[in-house]
Protein backbone atom coordinates (compact mmCIF):
# COMPACT_ATOMS: atom_id res chain seq x y z
CA MET A 1 -126.67 101.49 4.98
CA LEU A 2 -127.25 101.60 8.48
CA GLU A 3 -130.30 99.65 7.82
CA ALA A 4 -128.13 96.89 6.07
CA ALA A 5 -125.63 96.91 8.64
CA ARG A 6 -128.31 96.25 11.24
CA ARG A 7 -129.38 92.64 9.78
CA THR A 8 -125.67 91.67 9.51
CA THR A 9 -124.45 92.97 12.83
CA PRO A 10 -124.47 91.26 15.96
CA HIS A 11 -126.74 92.97 18.57
CA ASP A 12 -124.18 93.43 21.23
CA THR A 13 -121.78 95.23 18.60
CA TRP A 14 -125.30 97.09 16.96
CA ALA A 15 -126.03 98.88 20.83
CA TRP A 16 -122.49 99.83 21.53
CA GLN A 17 -121.92 101.33 18.30
CA LEU A 18 -124.58 102.45 16.07
CA ARG A 19 -127.66 102.47 17.33
CA ASP A 20 -127.68 106.08 18.31
CA ASP A 21 -126.36 106.98 14.71
CA ALA A 22 -129.34 104.90 13.44
CA ILE A 23 -132.06 106.66 15.60
CA ARG A 24 -130.37 109.91 14.53
CA LEU A 25 -130.23 109.38 11.02
CA GLY A 26 -133.93 108.23 11.18
CA VAL A 27 -133.30 104.51 10.91
CA PRO A 28 -136.20 102.84 13.10
CA ASP A 29 -134.64 101.06 16.01
CA ARG A 30 -137.44 98.63 16.39
CA PRO A 31 -140.02 96.99 14.03
CA ARG A 32 -142.95 98.72 12.92
CA ARG A 33 -145.69 97.94 14.98
CA TRP A 34 -148.85 96.00 12.98
CA SER A 35 -152.10 98.08 12.05
CA SER A 36 -153.62 99.76 14.80
CA VAL A 37 -156.54 98.38 16.33
CA ALA A 38 -158.86 101.23 14.91
CA TRP A 39 -157.44 100.45 11.41
CA THR A 40 -158.31 96.59 12.34
CA LEU A 41 -161.91 97.46 12.96
CA LEU A 42 -162.48 99.14 10.32
CA ALA A 43 -161.23 96.51 7.89
CA LEU A 44 -163.67 94.38 9.33
CA ALA A 45 -166.72 96.74 9.17
CA ILE A 46 -165.61 97.20 5.18
CA GLY A 47 -165.38 93.38 4.89
CA PHE A 48 -168.66 92.79 6.69
CA VAL A 49 -170.55 95.21 4.58
CA ALA A 50 -169.03 93.81 1.47
CA ALA A 51 -169.89 90.22 2.76
CA PHE A 52 -173.44 91.40 3.40
CA ALA A 53 -173.97 93.12 0.17
CA LEU A 54 -172.17 90.54 -2.26
CA TRP A 55 -173.62 86.93 -0.23
CA ARG A 56 -177.63 87.36 -0.24
CA ALA A 57 -178.17 84.02 0.95
CA ARG A 58 -176.51 84.69 4.27
CA ARG A 59 -177.21 88.04 5.03
CA ASN A 60 -178.83 87.19 8.18
CA GLU A 61 -175.83 85.73 9.60
CA ILE A 62 -173.35 88.17 8.33
CA ALA A 63 -175.53 90.72 10.37
CA ILE A 64 -175.53 88.71 13.30
CA ALA A 65 -171.66 88.03 13.36
CA GLY A 66 -170.86 91.96 12.46
CA VAL A 67 -173.05 92.89 15.24
CA ALA A 68 -171.68 90.27 17.80
CA LEU A 69 -168.19 90.99 17.02
CA PHE A 70 -168.67 94.77 17.42
CA VAL A 71 -170.65 94.59 20.63
CA THR A 72 -167.87 91.83 21.94
CA VAL A 73 -165.29 95.10 21.15
CA GLY A 74 -167.24 97.64 22.56
CA ALA A 75 -167.80 95.76 26.01
CA ALA A 76 -164.25 94.93 25.86
CA GLU A 77 -163.68 98.39 25.72
CA GLY A 78 -165.62 99.66 27.92
CA VAL A 79 -164.24 96.85 30.57
CA LEU A 80 -160.82 97.82 30.08
CA ARG A 81 -162.13 101.51 30.55
CA LEU A 82 -163.41 100.26 34.14
CA VAL A 83 -160.61 98.27 35.07
CA VAL A 84 -157.25 99.57 33.34
CA PRO A 85 -156.54 102.86 34.80
CA ALA A 86 -157.21 106.73 33.24
CA PRO A 87 -154.55 107.31 30.28
CA THR A 88 -151.57 109.50 31.33
CA ASP A 89 -150.41 112.73 29.70
CA VAL A 90 -146.75 111.27 30.80
CA ARG A 91 -145.52 109.90 27.54
CA HIS A 92 -142.09 108.35 28.85
CA ILE A 93 -142.98 105.75 31.65
CA LEU A 94 -139.89 104.53 33.64
CA HIS A 95 -141.22 101.85 35.50
CA PRO A 96 -144.13 99.49 34.19
CA PRO A 97 -147.43 101.54 35.54
CA SER A 98 -150.16 101.06 37.74
CA ARG A 99 -148.38 98.04 39.52
CA THR A 100 -147.85 97.27 43.42
CA THR A 101 -144.98 95.17 44.49
CA VAL A 102 -145.14 93.81 47.75
CA PHE A 103 -141.61 92.48 49.25
CA ARG A 104 -141.04 90.16 51.97
CA PRO A 105 -137.28 91.16 53.45
CA GLU A 106 -135.01 88.50 54.86
CA LYS A 107 -134.66 89.00 58.06
CA GLY A 108 -131.19 90.18 59.05
CA VAL A 109 -130.09 91.12 55.49
CA MET A 110 -130.77 94.88 55.82
CA PRO A 111 -130.28 96.40 59.03
CA GLY A 112 -132.66 98.86 60.02
CA VAL A 113 -135.26 97.32 57.13
CA GLU A 114 -137.52 95.24 59.10
CA TYR A 115 -141.06 94.32 57.85
CA ALA A 116 -143.32 91.19 57.69
CA GLU A 117 -143.94 93.13 53.97
CA SER A 118 -143.12 96.35 51.93
CA HIS A 119 -144.77 97.55 49.13
CA PHE A 120 -143.47 99.55 45.91
CA THR A 121 -146.26 101.26 43.76
CA VAL A 122 -146.06 102.76 40.88
CA ASP A 123 -148.85 105.34 39.62
CA ALA A 124 -150.22 105.37 35.64
CA ALA A 125 -147.33 107.54 34.94
CA GLY A 126 -144.75 104.96 35.84
CA LEU A 127 -143.40 106.80 39.09
CA ARG A 128 -143.40 106.26 42.63
CA SER A 129 -146.20 108.29 43.90
CA GLY A 130 -149.72 109.63 44.10
CA PRO A 131 -151.27 110.40 40.62
CA LEU A 132 -149.95 113.99 39.21
CA PRO A 133 -151.63 116.71 40.80
CA ALA A 134 -153.70 119.29 39.50
CA PRO A 135 -152.32 123.09 38.32
CA GLY A 136 -151.47 124.68 41.17
CA VAL A 137 -150.01 122.21 43.54
CA MET A 138 -146.02 122.46 44.03
CA ARG A 139 -144.50 119.31 41.74
CA VAL A 140 -141.24 118.53 43.23
CA LEU A 141 -139.46 115.36 41.06
CA ALA A 142 -136.73 113.35 42.25
CA ILE A 143 -133.92 111.53 39.74
CA GLY A 144 -131.70 108.74 40.43
CA GLY A 145 -130.80 105.53 40.96
CA SER A 146 -131.46 102.96 43.39
CA THR A 147 -130.83 104.81 46.39
CA THR A 148 -133.59 107.18 45.34
CA GLU A 149 -135.81 104.28 44.41
CA ALA A 150 -135.77 102.85 47.76
CA LEU A 151 -136.49 99.34 46.40
CA TYR A 152 -137.17 97.30 49.47
CA LEU A 153 -138.52 100.28 51.67
CA ASP A 154 -142.48 100.56 52.19
CA ASP A 155 -143.84 103.56 50.08
CA HIS A 156 -144.64 105.11 53.20
CA ASP A 157 -140.86 105.32 54.33
CA ALA A 158 -139.02 106.24 50.93
CA TRP A 159 -137.64 109.31 51.40
CA THR A 160 -139.07 111.05 48.64
CA ALA A 161 -142.12 110.25 50.62
CA VAL A 162 -141.06 111.67 53.65
CA LEU A 163 -139.91 114.67 51.89
CA GLU A 164 -143.95 115.52 50.36
CA ARG A 165 -145.25 114.83 53.94
CA GLU A 166 -142.50 117.16 55.60
CA LEU A 167 -142.15 119.89 53.07
CA GLY A 168 -146.27 120.27 52.71
CA ARG A 169 -145.99 120.50 56.01
CA ARG A 170 -143.15 123.42 56.64
CA LEU A 171 -144.85 125.32 53.27
CA ALA A 172 -148.45 124.63 54.72
CA ARG A 173 -149.61 123.57 51.24
CA PRO A 174 -150.34 120.67 49.37
CA VAL A 175 -146.78 119.46 47.90
CA TRP A 176 -146.47 116.51 45.31
CA VAL A 177 -143.17 114.41 45.06
CA GLY A 178 -142.76 111.59 42.24
CA ASN A 179 -140.13 109.44 42.54
CA ALA A 180 -138.01 108.61 39.16
CA GLY A 181 -135.32 106.45 40.92
CA LYS A 182 -134.78 103.12 39.11
CA SER A 183 -131.70 101.06 39.76
CA GLY A 184 -128.83 101.19 37.92
CA LEU A 185 -129.29 104.20 36.38
CA THR A 186 -126.59 106.77 35.54
CA SER A 187 -126.09 110.03 35.00
CA PHE A 188 -126.43 109.68 31.37
CA ALA A 189 -130.29 108.20 32.17
CA HIS A 190 -130.68 111.15 34.28
CA VAL A 191 -130.15 113.75 31.85
CA THR A 192 -132.49 111.93 29.34
CA GLN A 193 -134.85 111.78 32.27
CA ALA A 194 -134.34 115.63 32.62
CA LEU A 195 -135.10 116.19 28.90
CA ALA A 196 -138.22 113.88 29.20
CA TYR A 197 -139.63 114.98 32.36
CA VAL A 198 -139.62 118.69 31.91
CA ASP A 199 -142.52 118.32 29.42
CA ASP A 200 -143.99 115.61 30.70
CA ILE A 201 -144.42 116.08 34.35
CA LYS A 202 -143.63 119.89 34.50
CA PRO A 203 -141.88 120.29 38.22
CA ASP A 204 -141.13 123.10 39.96
CA VAL A 205 -138.29 121.51 41.53
CA VAL A 206 -135.81 118.71 40.32
CA ILE A 207 -133.51 117.24 42.88
CA VAL A 208 -131.01 114.73 41.39
CA GLN A 209 -128.87 112.51 43.37
CA ALA A 210 -125.91 110.86 41.52
CA GLY A 211 -122.68 109.19 41.71
CA ILE A 212 -122.24 105.64 42.92
CA ASN A 213 -123.93 103.92 39.70
CA ASP A 214 -121.34 106.25 37.60
CA LEU A 215 -118.51 104.96 39.69
CA THR A 216 -119.69 101.33 39.51
CA MET A 217 -119.96 101.85 35.53
CA CYS A 218 -116.28 103.25 35.47
CA VAL A 219 -114.56 100.63 37.82
CA SER A 220 -116.47 97.38 37.13
CA GLY A 221 -115.99 96.47 33.92
CA ASP A 222 -118.49 98.83 31.74
CA ARG A 223 -115.80 101.65 30.93
CA ARG A 224 -116.22 101.13 27.19
CA ASP A 225 -119.98 101.55 27.20
CA LEU A 226 -119.40 104.54 29.64
CA VAL A 227 -116.83 106.54 27.14
CA GLU A 228 -118.71 105.12 24.00
CA THR A 229 -121.85 107.07 25.54
CA ALA A 230 -120.22 110.09 26.53
CA PHE A 231 -119.41 110.35 22.96
CA ARG A 232 -122.66 110.19 21.47
CA PHE A 233 -123.75 112.60 23.70
CA ARG A 234 -121.90 115.23 22.38
CA TRP A 235 -125.33 115.45 20.22
CA PRO A 236 -128.13 116.67 22.27
CA ASP A 237 -130.37 114.18 20.23
CA ALA A 238 -128.46 111.14 21.32
CA TRP A 239 -129.92 111.94 24.92
CA ASP A 240 -133.08 111.34 23.84
CA ALA A 241 -132.54 108.06 22.01
CA TYR A 242 -130.93 106.98 25.35
CA GLY A 243 -134.18 106.75 26.82
CA ARG A 244 -135.09 103.92 25.15
CA ARG A 245 -132.49 102.09 27.50
CA ILE A 246 -134.19 103.34 30.60
CA PHE A 247 -138.08 103.72 29.84
CA ALA A 248 -140.39 101.05 30.09
CA GLU A 249 -142.56 102.51 27.66
CA VAL A 250 -142.09 105.81 25.50
CA ASN A 251 -145.49 106.54 23.86
CA SER A 252 -146.36 108.54 21.18
CA PRO A 253 -147.96 112.11 21.65
CA GLY A 254 -151.86 111.55 22.54
CA ALA A 255 -151.27 107.71 22.76
CA GLY A 256 -153.02 107.59 26.18
CA ARG A 257 -156.36 109.12 24.57
CA GLY A 258 -157.10 106.37 22.00
CA LEU A 259 -158.66 102.79 22.50
CA ARG A 260 -157.71 100.95 25.53
CA LEU A 261 -157.40 98.30 23.58
CA GLN A 262 -154.54 99.45 21.46
CA THR A 263 -152.96 100.35 24.71
CA MET A 264 -153.12 96.67 25.79
CA VAL A 265 -151.99 95.31 22.27
CA ASP A 266 -148.93 98.21 22.51
CA ARG A 267 -148.01 96.88 25.46
CA VAL A 268 -147.84 93.39 24.52
CA VAL A 269 -146.52 93.99 21.26
CA MET A 270 -143.49 96.04 23.10
CA ARG A 271 -143.16 93.24 25.61
CA PHE A 272 -142.32 90.57 22.94
CA SER A 273 -140.49 92.55 20.07
CA ALA A 274 -138.18 94.78 22.20
CA PRO A 275 -134.53 93.65 22.00
CA GLU A 276 -132.52 91.72 24.76
CA PRO A 277 -130.34 94.59 26.43
CA ALA A 278 -126.50 94.24 25.78
CA GLY A 279 -124.20 92.82 28.15
CA GLY A 280 -125.90 89.23 28.47
CA ALA A 281 -127.78 87.58 31.38
CA GLY A 282 -124.17 88.11 33.45
CA ALA A 283 -124.90 92.25 33.59
CA ALA A 284 -128.50 92.08 35.05
CA VAL A 285 -129.42 93.61 38.37
CA VAL A 286 -130.61 90.96 40.40
CA GLN A 287 -133.42 91.75 42.93
CA ASP A 288 -135.78 89.25 44.58
CA ARG A 289 -138.44 89.88 46.47
CA GLN A 290 -137.01 88.65 49.76
CA ALA A 291 -133.51 90.31 49.02
CA SER A 292 -131.74 86.83 49.92
CA TYR A 293 -129.52 87.36 46.72
CA TYR A 294 -127.48 90.12 48.87
CA ARG A 295 -126.10 87.05 50.64
CA VAL A 296 -124.78 85.92 47.33
CA LEU A 297 -123.46 89.37 46.63
CA ARG A 298 -121.75 89.97 49.70
CA ALA A 299 -120.08 86.38 49.87
CA ALA A 300 -118.83 87.35 46.41
CA ARG A 301 -116.79 90.45 47.84
CA ALA A 302 -115.78 88.52 50.92
CA GLY A 303 -114.19 85.89 48.99
CA ALA A 304 -112.28 88.18 47.04
CA GLN A 305 -109.04 89.79 47.01
CA LYS A 306 -108.94 93.75 48.42
CA ILE A 307 -106.98 96.21 46.67
CA ASP A 308 -106.39 99.78 47.85
CA SER A 309 -104.93 101.17 44.95
CA ASP A 310 -107.53 104.12 43.40
CA PRO A 311 -108.81 103.25 39.82
CA ASP A 312 -108.19 105.66 37.07
CA LEU A 313 -111.61 107.83 37.01
CA ALA A 314 -110.33 110.82 35.03
CA PRO A 315 -112.49 110.22 31.89
CA CYS A 316 -115.40 109.14 33.80
CA LEU A 317 -115.27 111.64 36.46
CA ILE A 318 -115.35 114.51 32.72
CA ALA A 319 -118.55 112.32 31.78
CA PHE A 320 -119.90 113.07 35.23
CA ASP A 321 -119.23 116.50 34.99
CA ASP A 322 -120.73 117.13 31.62
CA ASN A 323 -123.86 115.62 32.75
CA LEU A 324 -124.54 116.97 35.82
CA HIS A 325 -123.98 120.59 33.60
CA ARG A 326 -126.58 118.97 30.76
CA ILE A 327 -129.23 118.43 33.37
CA ALA A 328 -128.42 122.28 34.91
CA GLY A 329 -128.60 123.33 31.29
CA ILE A 330 -132.08 121.79 30.92
CA VAL A 331 -133.81 122.80 34.22
CA LEU A 332 -132.84 125.71 35.21
CA PRO A 333 -133.34 127.85 32.14
CA LEU A 334 -136.88 126.71 32.32
CA GLY A 335 -137.26 128.50 35.70
CA ILE A 336 -137.41 124.91 37.45
CA ARG A 337 -134.89 124.68 40.55
CA LEU A 338 -132.24 122.15 40.70
CA VAL A 339 -131.55 120.41 43.94
CA LEU A 340 -128.17 117.87 44.18
CA VAL A 341 -128.10 115.54 46.47
CA THR A 342 -124.43 114.39 47.32
CA GLN A 343 -124.17 110.09 47.60
CA GLY A 344 -123.71 109.05 51.45
CA SER A 345 -122.06 105.63 51.98
CA LEU A 346 -121.42 103.20 54.74
CA TYR A 347 -117.46 103.39 53.65
CA ARG A 348 -115.33 104.89 56.04
CA ASN A 349 -111.94 104.32 57.10
CA PRO A 350 -110.96 102.15 59.01
CA MET A 351 -113.90 100.00 59.08
CA PRO A 352 -115.75 97.73 61.74
CA ALA A 353 -115.60 94.03 60.20
CA ASP A 354 -119.48 93.79 60.60
CA ASP A 355 -120.19 96.61 58.82
CA GLU A 356 -117.67 95.65 56.03
CA SER A 357 -119.39 92.19 55.91
CA LEU A 358 -122.64 94.28 54.45
CA LEU A 359 -120.54 95.45 51.84
CA TRP A 360 -120.84 94.14 47.94
CA PHE A 361 -120.27 96.93 45.45
CA GLY A 362 -116.53 97.65 43.74
CA SER A 363 -115.66 94.43 41.75
CA VAL A 364 -112.60 95.44 39.49
CA GLU A 365 -113.60 95.27 36.01
CA GLN A 366 -116.28 92.96 36.46
CA SER A 367 -119.85 93.05 37.12
CA VAL A 368 -120.75 92.69 40.72
CA PHE A 369 -123.65 90.01 39.49
CA ALA A 370 -121.10 88.24 37.06
CA HIS A 371 -120.24 84.59 37.87
CA PRO A 372 -117.89 83.45 38.49
CA PRO A 373 -117.79 86.49 40.81
CA ALA A 374 -114.91 88.79 40.56
CA PRO A 375 -111.70 87.65 41.75
CA GLN A 376 -110.80 91.49 43.36
CA TYR A 377 -112.75 93.99 44.80
CA TYR A 378 -111.53 97.64 45.51
CA SER A 379 -111.68 98.45 49.18
CA ALA A 380 -113.93 100.34 51.49
CA ALA A 381 -111.44 102.95 51.69
CA SER A 382 -110.78 103.27 47.99
CA MET A 383 -114.34 103.25 47.31
CA GLN A 384 -114.85 105.87 50.03
CA ARG A 385 -111.93 107.92 48.40
CA ALA A 386 -113.28 107.40 44.80
CA LEU A 387 -117.21 108.46 45.46
CA ALA A 388 -115.74 111.44 47.29
CA LYS A 389 -114.41 112.77 44.03
CA TYR A 390 -117.92 112.33 42.76
CA ASN A 391 -119.53 114.23 45.62
CA ALA A 392 -116.49 116.80 45.07
CA ILE A 393 -117.96 117.46 41.28
CA THR A 394 -121.36 117.74 42.84
CA LEU A 395 -120.88 120.23 45.52
CA ARG A 396 -118.63 122.10 42.62
CA LEU A 397 -121.84 122.65 40.50
CA CYS A 398 -123.77 123.74 43.54
CA GLU A 399 -121.22 126.02 44.17
CA GLU A 400 -120.99 127.39 40.69
CA ARG A 401 -124.80 127.74 39.97
CA LYS A 402 -125.76 128.45 43.30
CA LEU A 403 -127.96 125.87 43.64
CA VAL A 404 -129.48 124.13 46.98
CA CYS A 405 -127.36 121.43 48.08
CA VAL A 406 -127.74 118.65 50.60
CA ASP A 407 -124.33 117.18 51.32
CA ALA A 408 -125.66 113.82 52.39
CA ASP A 409 -122.28 112.38 52.46
CA ALA A 410 -121.21 114.86 55.38
CA LEU A 411 -124.59 115.39 57.03
CA LEU A 412 -125.40 111.66 57.42
CA PRO A 413 -123.13 109.24 59.75
CA HIS A 414 -121.44 106.52 57.69
CA SER A 415 -123.12 104.22 60.08
CA THR A 416 -125.88 101.14 59.85
CA ALA A 417 -128.09 103.69 61.37
CA ILE A 418 -128.42 105.22 58.39
CA TYR A 419 -127.18 102.48 55.63
CA TYR A 420 -127.92 98.83 55.42
CA ASP A 421 -125.15 98.49 52.93
CA ASP A 422 -122.49 100.55 50.73
CA VAL A 423 -125.09 103.17 50.09
CA HIS A 424 -128.57 102.57 50.25
CA PHE A 425 -131.15 103.86 52.90
CA ASN A 426 -132.56 101.82 55.82
CA ILE A 427 -135.88 103.57 57.33
CA GLY A 428 -133.69 105.58 59.48
CA GLY A 429 -131.51 106.87 56.91
CA ALA A 430 -134.50 107.70 54.58
CA ARG A 431 -135.86 109.64 57.03
CA ARG A 432 -132.86 111.30 57.73
CA LEU A 433 -132.37 112.60 53.87
CA GLY A 434 -136.01 113.46 53.56
CA GLU A 435 -136.12 115.83 56.40
CA ALA A 436 -133.07 117.34 55.44
CA LEU A 437 -134.05 118.33 52.05
CA ALA A 438 -137.57 119.20 53.19
CA VAL A 439 -135.63 122.05 55.43
CA ALA A 440 -133.35 122.80 52.52
CA ILE A 441 -136.03 123.51 50.04
CA ALA A 442 -138.10 125.34 52.32
CA LYS A 443 -135.80 127.48 53.68
CA ALA A 444 -134.24 128.55 49.65
CA PRO A 445 -136.09 131.21 48.52
């Protein structure tokens, strides 16, 4: 019935209502891939043998063509093994793997982020980190949204890189810190990441920083998606299904050990067969290499009416609380240490006009990226109060489960010495958070 419904249901409706139910019941969500490269080569080999046996007059040409084909395929496979990075055992690939993106931030757009250019490097496992270390090296995995991702900061300056250096120095031993942050991810995604990475990465410590994207989802037009996702998350198998929304690739077990030609074909097929995300282009996160789009986002907020009333966050806070407890339930029974970080911000009351001009979050019942822009935005004071409610849930779980917790909201000044907009760290802020986490983790038993 679901298979029939998919053929006649608009994509957005399918994504909102039926996709996870279909996956749970075994209905594939994506078209089946065409036969693998190995099967294709086997079919070609059988064809050449049959032609050689049946077409005696052309045996020499058939033999030459067959040998040439398989020598070419073998050479291509050999070149790919030299050029393409070695396969990873990590199945869930967050970012397109083995890439470096170069940013050239526009001067003055992000206070405290002054580069001629910065580099965002992703390893073979889809993480912003060095290669996975050998057994025995301490593994720390940071899960979060854009404040963890630190997109425009250079690899060396992201708070995860600072943490890796500082924690290694304090413990006097090698430490690997993997950055699994990605812009726009909410606590629902973090549940799926925790579920995937405890097997893929086998971390010793998991750090989670969450709150702002859940808040934005609640107040800026995605409440329906939040409530319906929370309903689906009552079934644990929906957590894994949700990964189809957030990972660039999800490989089958052992997929990385096969032919590199197959890997390349799979990536091309997945690139062109993956459905468009629900919500349309207006819901997309716009991030250009110069960060110039921040000017557009800030102008939209500056021209809108500000309201100081508090949004109704009750169902959203329940979902956030449930998700943090789910993460604890995944991580802690495996003996993995869980570290929680509250979401700090530039928000304060009263707020200087120069600092308020840097804000762009808080559109009312409409995406901040929508066009035309939302006519109303929540005030900085309202956003500060709302974010404090999410941070209170994080702190409460820390107290309940006796977790290591870094209260970044209380620890770090609400100023441009730390943030270049509502919540994103500049170089100084990333350094302060990385150092604070190193101290907290090193001191914990």
